Amino acid sequence: RICIFHFDIINETLQFLDEQEDSSGRPAGNIIFVNNKL
Protein backbone atom coordinates (compact mmCIF):
# COMPACT_ATOMS: atom_id res chain seq x y z
CA ARG A 1 0.00 0.00 0.00
CA ILE A 2 0.95 3.62 -0.63
CA CYS A 3 0.64 5.49 2.66
CA ILE A 4 0.49 9.27 3.09
CA PHE A 5 1.36 11.19 6.26
CA HIS A 6 1.25 14.84 7.25
CA PHE A 7 4.71 15.68 8.63
CA ASP A 8 4.89 18.29 11.39
CA ILE A 9 8.61 18.83 11.09
CA ILE A 10 8.78 21.39 13.90
CA ASN A 11 7.35 18.95 16.45
CA GLU A 12 8.68 15.93 14.57
CA THR A 13 5.38 14.06 14.41
CA LEU A 14 3.49 12.19 11.69
CA GLN A 15 -0.27 12.16 11.18
CA PHE A 16 -1.75 9.42 8.99
CA LEU A 17 -3.82 10.81 6.09
CA ASP A 18 -4.51 8.13 3.51
CA GLU A 19 -3.58 4.64 2.38
CA GLN A 20 -4.24 2.97 -0.96
CA GLU A 21 -3.65 -0.53 -2.25
CA ASP A 22 -1.13 -0.32 -5.07
CA SER A 23 1.18 -2.94 -6.58
CA SER A 24 3.38 -0.41 -8.45
CA GLY A 25 3.61 2.67 -6.26
CA ARG A 26 6.91 2.18 -4.43
CA PRO A 27 8.83 5.49 -4.34
CA ALA A 28 11.89 5.74 -6.58
CA GLY A 29 13.35 9.11 -5.61
CA ASN A 30 12.60 12.67 -4.56
CA ILE A 31 9.67 14.65 -5.88
CA ILE A 32 10.51 16.63 -9.03
CA PHE A 33 9.05 20.15 -9.26
CA VAL A 34 8.52 21.20 -12.90
CA ASN A 35 6.10 23.84 -14.23
CA ASN A 36 4.14 23.95 -10.96
CA LYS A 37 3.72 20.17 -11.05
CA LEU A 38 4.67 17.61 -8.39
All heavy atoms as atom14 arrays in JSON, in Angstrom:
{
  "sequence": "RICIFHFDIINETLQFLDEQEDSSGRPAGNIIFVNNKL",
  "atom14_mask": [
    [1, 1, 1, 1, 1, 1, 1, 1, 1, 1, 1, 0, 0, 0],
    [1, 1, 1, 1, 1, 1, 1, 1, 0, 0, 0, 0, 0, 0],
    [1, 1, 1, 1, 1, 1, 0, 0, 0, 0, 0, 0, 0, 0],
    [1, 1, 1, 1, 1, 1, 1, 1, 0, 0, 0, 0, 0, 0],
    [1, 1, 1, 1, 1, 1, 1, 1, 1, 1, 1, 0, 0, 0],
    [1, 1, 1, 1, 1, 1, 1, 1, 1, 1, 0, 0, 0, 0],
    [1, 1, 1, 1, 1, 1, 1, 1, 1, 1, 1, 0, 0, 0],
    [1, 1, 1, 1, 1, 1, 1, 1, 0, 0, 0, 0, 0, 0],
    [1, 1, 1, 1, 1, 1, 1, 1, 0, 0, 0, 0, 0, 0],
    [1, 1, 1, 1, 1, 1, 1, 1, 0, 0, 0, 0, 0, 0],
    [1, 1, 1, 1, 1, 1, 1, 1, 0, 0, 0, 0, 0, 0],
    [1, 1, 1, 1, 1, 1, 1, 1, 1, 0, 0, 0, 0, 0],
    [1, 1, 1, 1, 1, 1, 1, 0, 0, 0, 0, 0, 0, 0],
    [1, 1, 1, 1, 1, 1, 1, 1, 0, 0, 0, 0, 0, 0],
    [1, 1, 1, 1, 1, 1, 1, 1, 1, 0, 0, 0, 0, 0],
    [1, 1, 1, 1, 1, 1, 1, 1, 1, 1, 1, 0, 0, 0],
    [1, 1, 1, 1, 1, 1, 1, 1, 0, 0, 0, 0, 0, 0],
    [1, 1, 1, 1, 1, 1, 1, 1, 0, 0, 0, 0, 0, 0],
    [1, 1, 1, 1, 1, 1, 1, 1, 1, 0, 0, 0, 0, 0],
    [1, 1, 1, 1, 1, 1, 1, 1, 1, 0, 0, 0, 0, 0],
    [1, 1, 1, 1, 1, 1, 1, 1, 1, 0, 0, 0, 0, 0],
    [1, 1, 1, 1, 1, 1, 1, 1, 0, 0, 0, 0, 0, 0],
    [1, 1, 1, 1, 1, 1, 0, 0, 0, 0, 0, 0, 0, 0],
    [1, 1, 1, 1, 1, 1, 0, 0, 0, 0, 0, 0, 0, 0],
    [1, 1, 1, 1, 0, 0, 0, 0, 0, 0, 0, 0, 0, 0],
    [1, 1, 1, 1, 1, 1, 1, 1, 1, 1, 1, 0, 0, 0],
    [1, 1, 1, 1, 1, 1, 1, 0, 0, 0, 0, 0, 0, 0],
    [1, 1, 1, 1, 1, 0, 0, 0, 0, 0, 0, 0, 0, 0],
    [1, 1, 1, 1, 0, 0, 0, 0, 0, 0, 0, 0, 0, 0],
    [1, 1, 1, 1, 1, 1, 1, 1, 0, 0, 0, 0, 0, 0],
    [1, 1, 1, 1, 1, 1, 1, 1, 0, 0, 0, 0, 0, 0],
    [1, 1, 1, 1, 1, 1, 1, 1, 0, 0, 0, 0, 0, 0],
    [1, 1, 1, 1, 1, 1, 1, 1, 1, 1, 1, 0, 0, 0],
    [1, 1, 1, 1, 1, 1, 1, 0, 0, 0, 0, 0, 0, 0],
    [1, 1, 1, 1, 1, 1, 1, 1, 0, 0, 0, 0, 0, 0],
    [1, 1, 1, 1, 1, 1, 1, 1, 0, 0, 0, 0, 0, 0],
    [1, 1, 1, 1, 1, 1, 1, 1, 1, 0, 0, 0, 0, 0],
    [1, 1, 1, 1, 1, 1, 1, 1, 0, 0, 0, 0, 0, 0]
  ],
  "atom14_positions": [
    [[0.82, -1.21, 0.0], [0.0, 0.0, 0.0], [0.86, 1.26, 0.0], [1.89, 1.32, 0.66], [-0.92, 0.03, 1.23], [-1.97, -1.07, 1.25], [-2.84, -1.01, 2.49], [-3.87, -2.03, 2.47], [-5.06, -1.89, 1.92], [-5.38, -0.74, 1.35], [-5.95, -2.86, 1.95], [0.0, 0.0, 0.0], [0.0, 0.0, 0.0], [0.0, 0.0, 0.0]],
    [[0.41, 2.27, -0.76], [0.95, 3.62, -0.63], [0.35, 4.21, 0.64], [-0.85, 4.1, 0.88], [0.54, 4.49, -1.84], [1.17, 3.96, -3.12], [0.96, 5.94, -1.62], [0.69, 4.69, -4.35], [0.0, 0.0, 0.0], [0.0, 0.0, 0.0], [0.0, 0.0, 0.0], [0.0, 0.0, 0.0], [0.0, 0.0, 0.0], [0.0, 0.0, 0.0]],
    [[1.18, 4.83, 1.47], [0.64, 5.49, 2.66], [1.13, 6.94, 2.7], [2.29, 7.23, 2.39], [1.04, 4.75, 3.94], [2.77, 4.28, 4.05], [0.0, 0.0, 0.0], [0.0, 0.0, 0.0], [0.0, 0.0, 0.0], [0.0, 0.0, 0.0], [0.0, 0.0, 0.0], [0.0, 0.0, 0.0], [0.0, 0.0, 0.0], [0.0, 0.0, 0.0]],
    [[0.23, 7.83, 3.08], [0.49, 9.27, 3.09], [0.37, 9.78, 4.52], [-0.6, 9.48, 5.23], [-0.51, 10.04, 2.2], [-0.7, 9.34, 0.86], [-0.07, 11.49, 2.02], [0.53, 9.26, 0.03], [0.0, 0.0, 0.0], [0.0, 0.0, 0.0], [0.0, 0.0, 0.0], [0.0, 0.0, 0.0], [0.0, 0.0, 0.0], [0.0, 0.0, 0.0]],
    [[1.36, 10.59, 4.93], [1.36, 11.19, 6.26], [1.55, 12.7, 6.15], [2.29, 13.17, 5.28], [2.5, 10.63, 7.13], [2.5, 9.15, 7.29], [3.2, 8.34, 6.42], [1.78, 8.55, 8.32], [3.21, 6.96, 6.57], [1.78, 7.18, 8.48], [2.5, 6.38, 7.6], [0.0, 0.0, 0.0], [0.0, 0.0, 0.0], [0.0, 0.0, 0.0]],
    [[0.89, 13.44, 7.05], [1.25, 14.84, 7.25], [2.44, 14.87, 8.2], [2.45, 14.19, 9.23], [0.09, 15.63, 7.84], [0.44, 17.06, 8.11], [0.79, 17.51, 9.36], [0.52, 18.13, 7.28], [1.06, 18.81, 9.29], [0.91, 19.19, 8.04], [0.0, 0.0, 0.0], [0.0, 0.0, 0.0], [0.0, 0.0, 0.0], [0.0, 0.0, 0.0]],
    [[3.46, 15.66, 7.87], [4.71, 15.68, 8.63], [4.85, 17.05, 9.3], [5.13, 18.05, 8.64], [5.89, 15.41, 7.7], [7.23, 15.33, 8.37], [7.35, 15.1, 9.73], [8.39, 15.47, 7.63], [8.59, 15.02, 10.35], [9.64, 15.4, 8.23], [9.74, 15.17, 9.58], [0.0, 0.0, 0.0], [0.0, 0.0, 0.0], [0.0, 0.0, 0.0]],
    [[4.63, 17.08, 10.6], [4.89, 18.29, 11.39], [6.37, 18.27, 11.75], [6.77, 17.69, 12.76], [4.01, 18.3, 12.65], [4.2, 19.56, 13.49], [5.18, 20.28, 13.26], [3.36, 19.8, 14.38], [0.0, 0.0, 0.0], [0.0, 0.0, 0.0], [0.0, 0.0, 0.0], [0.0, 0.0, 0.0], [0.0, 0.0, 0.0], [0.0, 0.0, 0.0]],
    [[7.16, 18.93, 10.92], [8.61, 18.83, 11.09], [9.11, 19.6, 12.3], [10.14, 19.26, 12.89], [9.32, 19.28, 9.79], [10.79, 18.84, 9.8], [9.18, 20.77, 9.57], [11.48, 19.0, 8.48], [0.0, 0.0, 0.0], [0.0, 0.0, 0.0], [0.0, 0.0, 0.0], [0.0, 0.0, 0.0], [0.0, 0.0, 0.0], [0.0, 0.0, 0.0]],
    [[8.38, 20.63, 12.72], [8.78, 21.39, 13.9], [8.68, 20.53, 15.15], [9.6, 20.48, 15.98], [7.92, 22.66, 14.06], [8.01, 23.54, 12.79], [8.36, 23.45, 15.29], [9.4, 24.0, 12.44], [0.0, 0.0, 0.0], [0.0, 0.0, 0.0], [0.0, 0.0, 0.0], [0.0, 0.0, 0.0], [0.0, 0.0, 0.0], [0.0, 0.0, 0.0]],
    [[7.57, 19.82, 15.29], [7.35, 18.95, 16.45], [7.78, 17.51, 16.19], [7.68, 16.66, 17.1], [5.88, 19.0, 16.87], [5.47, 20.38, 17.35], [6.06, 20.93, 18.27], [4.45, 20.96, 16.7], [0.0, 0.0, 0.0], [0.0, 0.0, 0.0], [0.0, 0.0, 0.0], [0.0, 0.0, 0.0], [0.0, 0.0, 0.0], [0.0, 0.0, 0.0]],
    [[8.19, 17.25, 14.96], [8.68, 15.93, 14.57], [7.64, 14.84, 14.85], [7.9, 13.85, 15.54], [10.02, 15.63, 15.25], [11.11, 16.62, 14.88], [12.47, 16.29, 15.47], [12.54, 15.4, 16.34], [13.46, 16.93, 15.07], [0.0, 0.0, 0.0], [0.0, 0.0, 0.0], [0.0, 0.0, 0.0], [0.0, 0.0, 0.0], [0.0, 0.0, 0.0]],
    [[6.46, 15.03, 14.26], [5.38, 14.06, 14.41], [4.75, 13.78, 13.04], [4.77, 14.63, 12.15], [4.28, 14.57, 15.36], [3.76, 15.81, 14.87], [4.83, 14.76, 16.77], [0.0, 0.0, 0.0], [0.0, 0.0, 0.0], [0.0, 0.0, 0.0], [0.0, 0.0, 0.0], [0.0, 0.0, 0.0], [0.0, 0.0, 0.0], [0.0, 0.0, 0.0]],
    [[4.2, 12.58, 12.91], [3.49, 12.19, 11.69], [2.02, 11.97, 12.0], [1.67, 11.4, 13.04], [4.07, 10.89, 11.12], [5.48, 10.93, 10.53], [5.82, 9.57, 9.93], [5.6, 12.0, 9.48], [0.0, 0.0, 0.0], [0.0, 0.0, 0.0], [0.0, 0.0, 0.0], [0.0, 0.0, 0.0], [0.0, 0.0, 0.0], [0.0, 0.0, 0.0]],
    [[1.16, 12.41, 11.08], [-0.27, 12.16, 11.18], [-0.71, 11.41, 9.93], [-0.52, 11.89, 8.81], [-1.06, 13.47, 11.29], [-2.57, 13.28, 11.32], [-3.33, 14.58, 11.21], [-2.73, 15.65, 11.14], [-4.65, 14.5, 11.18], [0.0, 0.0, 0.0], [0.0, 0.0, 0.0], [0.0, 0.0, 0.0], [0.0, 0.0, 0.0], [0.0, 0.0, 0.0]],
    [[-1.3, 10.23, 10.12], [-1.75, 9.42, 8.99], [-2.88, 10.13, 8.25], [-3.82, 10.64, 8.86], [-2.23, 8.06, 9.49], [-2.83, 7.21, 8.42], [-2.02, 6.5, 7.54], [-4.21, 7.12, 8.26], [-2.58, 5.7, 6.55], [-4.77, 6.33, 7.27], [-3.96, 5.61, 6.41], [0.0, 0.0, 0.0], [0.0, 0.0, 0.0], [0.0, 0.0, 0.0]],
    [[-2.79, 10.17, 6.9], [-3.82, 10.81, 6.09], [-4.58, 9.83, 5.21], [-5.8, 9.86, 5.13], [-3.2, 11.9, 5.21], [-2.64, 13.13, 5.9], [-2.03, 14.07, 4.86], [-3.71, 13.86, 6.71], [0.0, 0.0, 0.0], [0.0, 0.0, 0.0], [0.0, 0.0, 0.0], [0.0, 0.0, 0.0], [0.0, 0.0, 0.0], [0.0, 0.0, 0.0]],
    [[-3.85, 8.98, 4.5], [-4.51, 8.13, 3.51], [-3.65, 6.91, 3.22], [-2.43, 6.94, 3.44], [-4.76, 8.92, 2.22], [-5.74, 8.24, 1.27], [-6.42, 7.29, 1.72], [-5.82, 8.64, 0.1], [0.0, 0.0, 0.0], [0.0, 0.0, 0.0], [0.0, 0.0, 0.0], [0.0, 0.0, 0.0], [0.0, 0.0, 0.0], [0.0, 0.0, 0.0]],
    [[-4.28, 5.86, 2.75], [-3.58, 4.64, 2.38], [-4.34, 3.99, 1.23], [-5.56, 3.91, 1.26], [-3.51, 3.68, 3.58], [-2.6, 2.49, 3.36], [-2.46, 1.67, 4.63], [-3.47, 1.09, 5.07], [-1.35, 1.61, 5.17], [0.0, 0.0, 0.0], [0.0, 0.0, 0.0], [0.0, 0.0, 0.0], [0.0, 0.0, 0.0], [0.0, 0.0, 0.0]],
    [[-3.6, 3.55, 0.21], [-4.24, 2.97, -0.96], [-3.51, 1.71, -1.39], [-2.27, 1.69, -1.42], [-4.24, 3.97, -2.12], [-5.02, 5.24, -1.86], [-4.97, 6.19, -3.05], [-4.45, 5.84, -4.1], [-5.52, 7.37, -2.87], [0.0, 0.0, 0.0], [0.0, 0.0, 0.0], [0.0, 0.0, 0.0], [0.0, 0.0, 0.0], [0.0, 0.0, 0.0]],
    [[-4.26, 0.68, -1.72], [-3.65, -0.53, -2.25], [-3.06, -0.24, -3.62], [-3.7, 0.36, -4.47], [-4.69, -1.66, -2.35], [-4.09, -2.98, -2.8], [-5.11, -4.1, -2.81], [-6.08, -4.04, -2.03], [-4.92, -5.05, -3.59], [0.0, 0.0, 0.0], [0.0, 0.0, 0.0], [0.0, 0.0, 0.0], [0.0, 0.0, 0.0], [0.0, 0.0, 0.0]],
    [[-1.8, -0.63, -3.82], [-1.13, -0.32, -5.07], [0.05, -1.26, -5.23], [0.92, -1.33, -4.37], [-0.65, 1.14, -5.07], [-0.21, 1.61, -6.45], [0.48, 0.85, -7.14], [-0.57, 2.72, -6.81], [0.0, 0.0, 0.0], [0.0, 0.0, 0.0], [0.0, 0.0, 0.0], [0.0, 0.0, 0.0], [0.0, 0.0, 0.0], [0.0, 0.0, 0.0]],
    [[0.1, -1.99, -6.36], [1.18, -2.94, -6.58], [2.38, -2.3, -7.29], [3.41, -2.93, -7.45], [0.67, -4.11, -7.42], [0.2, -3.65, -8.67], [0.0, 0.0, 0.0], [0.0, 0.0, 0.0], [0.0, 0.0, 0.0], [0.0, 0.0, 0.0], [0.0, 0.0, 0.0], [0.0, 0.0, 0.0], [0.0, 0.0, 0.0], [0.0, 0.0, 0.0]],
    [[2.26, -1.05, -7.73], [3.38, -0.41, -8.45], [3.51, 1.05, -8.05], [3.56, 1.94, -8.88], [3.16, -0.52, -9.97], [1.96, 0.13, -10.34], [0.0, 0.0, 0.0], [0.0, 0.0, 0.0], [0.0, 0.0, 0.0], [0.0, 0.0, 0.0], [0.0, 0.0, 0.0], [0.0, 0.0, 0.0], [0.0, 0.0, 0.0], [0.0, 0.0, 0.0]],
    [[3.52, 1.29, -6.73], [3.61, 2.67, -6.26], [4.82, 2.94, -5.39], [4.91, 3.99, -4.77], [0.0, 0.0, 0.0], [0.0, 0.0, 0.0], [0.0, 0.0, 0.0], [0.0, 0.0, 0.0], [0.0, 0.0, 0.0], [0.0, 0.0, 0.0], [0.0, 0.0, 0.0], [0.0, 0.0, 0.0], [0.0, 0.0, 0.0], [0.0, 0.0, 0.0]],
    [[5.77, 2.01, -5.32], [6.91, 2.18, -4.43], [7.77, 3.37, -4.88], [8.18, 3.46, -6.04], [7.75, 0.9, -4.44], [8.94, 0.96, -3.5], [9.55, -0.42, -3.34], [10.76, -0.36, -2.5], [11.35, -1.42, -1.97], [10.84, -2.63, -2.19], [12.43, -1.29, -1.23], [0.0, 0.0, 0.0], [0.0, 0.0, 0.0], [0.0, 0.0, 0.0]],
    [[8.06, 4.3, -3.98], [8.83, 5.49, -4.34], [10.19, 5.13, -4.94], [10.83, 4.15, -4.56], [8.99, 6.22, -3.01], [7.79, 5.81, -2.21], [7.57, 4.36, -2.58], [0.0, 0.0, 0.0], [0.0, 0.0, 0.0], [0.0, 0.0, 0.0], [0.0, 0.0, 0.0], [0.0, 0.0, 0.0], [0.0, 0.0, 0.0], [0.0, 0.0, 0.0]],
    [[10.63, 5.97, -5.89], [11.89, 5.74, -6.58], [12.77, 6.97, -6.6], [13.67, 7.09, -7.42], [11.61, 5.28, -8.02], [0.0, 0.0, 0.0], [0.0, 0.0, 0.0], [0.0, 0.0, 0.0], [0.0, 0.0, 0.0], [0.0, 0.0, 0.0], [0.0, 0.0, 0.0], [0.0, 0.0, 0.0], [0.0, 0.0, 0.0], [0.0, 0.0, 0.0]],
    [[12.53, 7.91, -5.67], [13.35, 9.11, -5.61], [12.56, 10.32, -5.16], [11.34, 10.24, -4.95], [0.0, 0.0, 0.0], [0.0, 0.0, 0.0], [0.0, 0.0, 0.0], [0.0, 0.0, 0.0], [0.0, 0.0, 0.0], [0.0, 0.0, 0.0], [0.0, 0.0, 0.0], [0.0, 0.0, 0.0], [0.0, 0.0, 0.0], [0.0, 0.0, 0.0]],
    [[13.24, 11.44, -5.02], [12.6, 12.67, -4.56], [11.59, 13.21, -5.55], [11.66, 12.92, -6.75], [13.66, 13.74, -4.29], [14.09, 13.79, -2.84], [13.31, 13.45, -1.95], [15.31, 14.22, -2.59], [0.0, 0.0, 0.0], [0.0, 0.0, 0.0], [0.0, 0.0, 0.0], [0.0, 0.0, 0.0], [0.0, 0.0, 0.0], [0.0, 0.0, 0.0]],
    [[10.67, 14.0, -5.04], [9.67, 14.65, -5.88], [10.36, 15.68, -6.78], [11.25, 16.42, -6.35], [8.61, 15.36, -5.01], [7.99, 14.37, -4.03], [7.55, 16.01, -5.89], [7.31, 13.18, -4.66], [0.0, 0.0, 0.0], [0.0, 0.0, 0.0], [0.0, 0.0, 0.0], [0.0, 0.0, 0.0], [0.0, 0.0, 0.0], [0.0, 0.0, 0.0]],
    [[9.96, 15.69, -8.06], [10.51, 16.63, -9.03], [9.49, 17.76, -9.23], [8.31, 17.49, -9.48], [10.8, 15.94, -10.37], [11.78, 14.78, -10.16], [11.34, 16.92, -11.4], [11.9, 13.87, -11.37], [0.0, 0.0, 0.0], [0.0, 0.0, 0.0], [0.0, 0.0, 0.0], [0.0, 0.0, 0.0], [0.0, 0.0, 0.0], [0.0, 0.0, 0.0]],
    [[9.94, 19.0, -9.09], [9.05, 20.15, -9.26], [9.33, 20.77, -10.63], [10.4, 21.34, -10.86], [9.29, 21.18, -8.16], [9.0, 20.66, -6.78], [9.97, 20.0, -6.04], [7.75, 20.82, -6.22], [9.71, 19.51, -4.77], [7.46, 20.33, -4.96], [8.44, 19.67, -4.23], [0.0, 0.0, 0.0], [0.0, 0.0, 0.0], [0.0, 0.0, 0.0]],
    [[8.37, 20.66, -11.55], [8.52, 21.2, -12.9], [7.21, 21.86, -13.32], [6.15, 21.21, -13.26], [8.9, 20.1, -13.92], [9.01, 20.69, -15.33], [10.21, 19.45, -13.55], [0.0, 0.0, 0.0], [0.0, 0.0, 0.0], [0.0, 0.0, 0.0], [0.0, 0.0, 0.0], [0.0, 0.0, 0.0], [0.0, 0.0, 0.0], [0.0, 0.0, 0.0]],
    [[7.29, 23.13, -13.72], [6.1, 23.84, -14.23], [4.91, 23.73, -13.28], [3.79, 23.41, -13.68], [5.72, 23.31, -15.62], [6.82, 23.52, -16.64], [7.57, 24.5, -16.57], [6.94, 22.61, -17.58], [0.0, 0.0, 0.0], [0.0, 0.0, 0.0], [0.0, 0.0, 0.0], [0.0, 0.0, 0.0], [0.0, 0.0, 0.0], [0.0, 0.0, 0.0]],
    [[5.17, 23.98, -12.0], [4.14, 23.95, -10.96], [3.51, 22.57, -10.79], [2.4, 22.45, -10.26], [3.05, 24.98, -11.25], [3.58, 26.4, -11.2], [4.37, 26.74, -10.32], [3.17, 27.22, -12.16], [0.0, 0.0, 0.0], [0.0, 0.0, 0.0], [0.0, 0.0, 0.0], [0.0, 0.0, 0.0], [0.0, 0.0, 0.0], [0.0, 0.0, 0.0]],
    [[4.21, 21.53, -11.22], [3.72, 20.17, -11.05], [4.59, 19.42, -10.05], [5.8, 19.64, -9.97], [3.73, 19.41, -12.39], [2.75, 19.95, -13.42], [2.81, 19.12, -14.7], [1.8, 19.61, -15.72], [1.86, 18.79, -16.97], [0.0, 0.0, 0.0], [0.0, 0.0, 0.0], [0.0, 0.0, 0.0], [0.0, 0.0, 0.0], [0.0, 0.0, 0.0]],
    [[3.95, 18.53, -9.28], [4.67, 17.61, -8.39], [4.76, 16.27, -9.11], [3.75, 15.61, -9.32], [3.93, 17.44, -7.07], [3.68, 18.7, -6.23], [2.84, 18.36, -5.01], [4.99, 19.32, -5.81], [0.0, 0.0, 0.0], [0.0, 0.0, 0.0], [0.0, 0.0, 0.0], [0.0, 0.0, 0.0], [0.0, 0.0, 0.0], [0.0, 0.0, 0.0]]
  ]
}
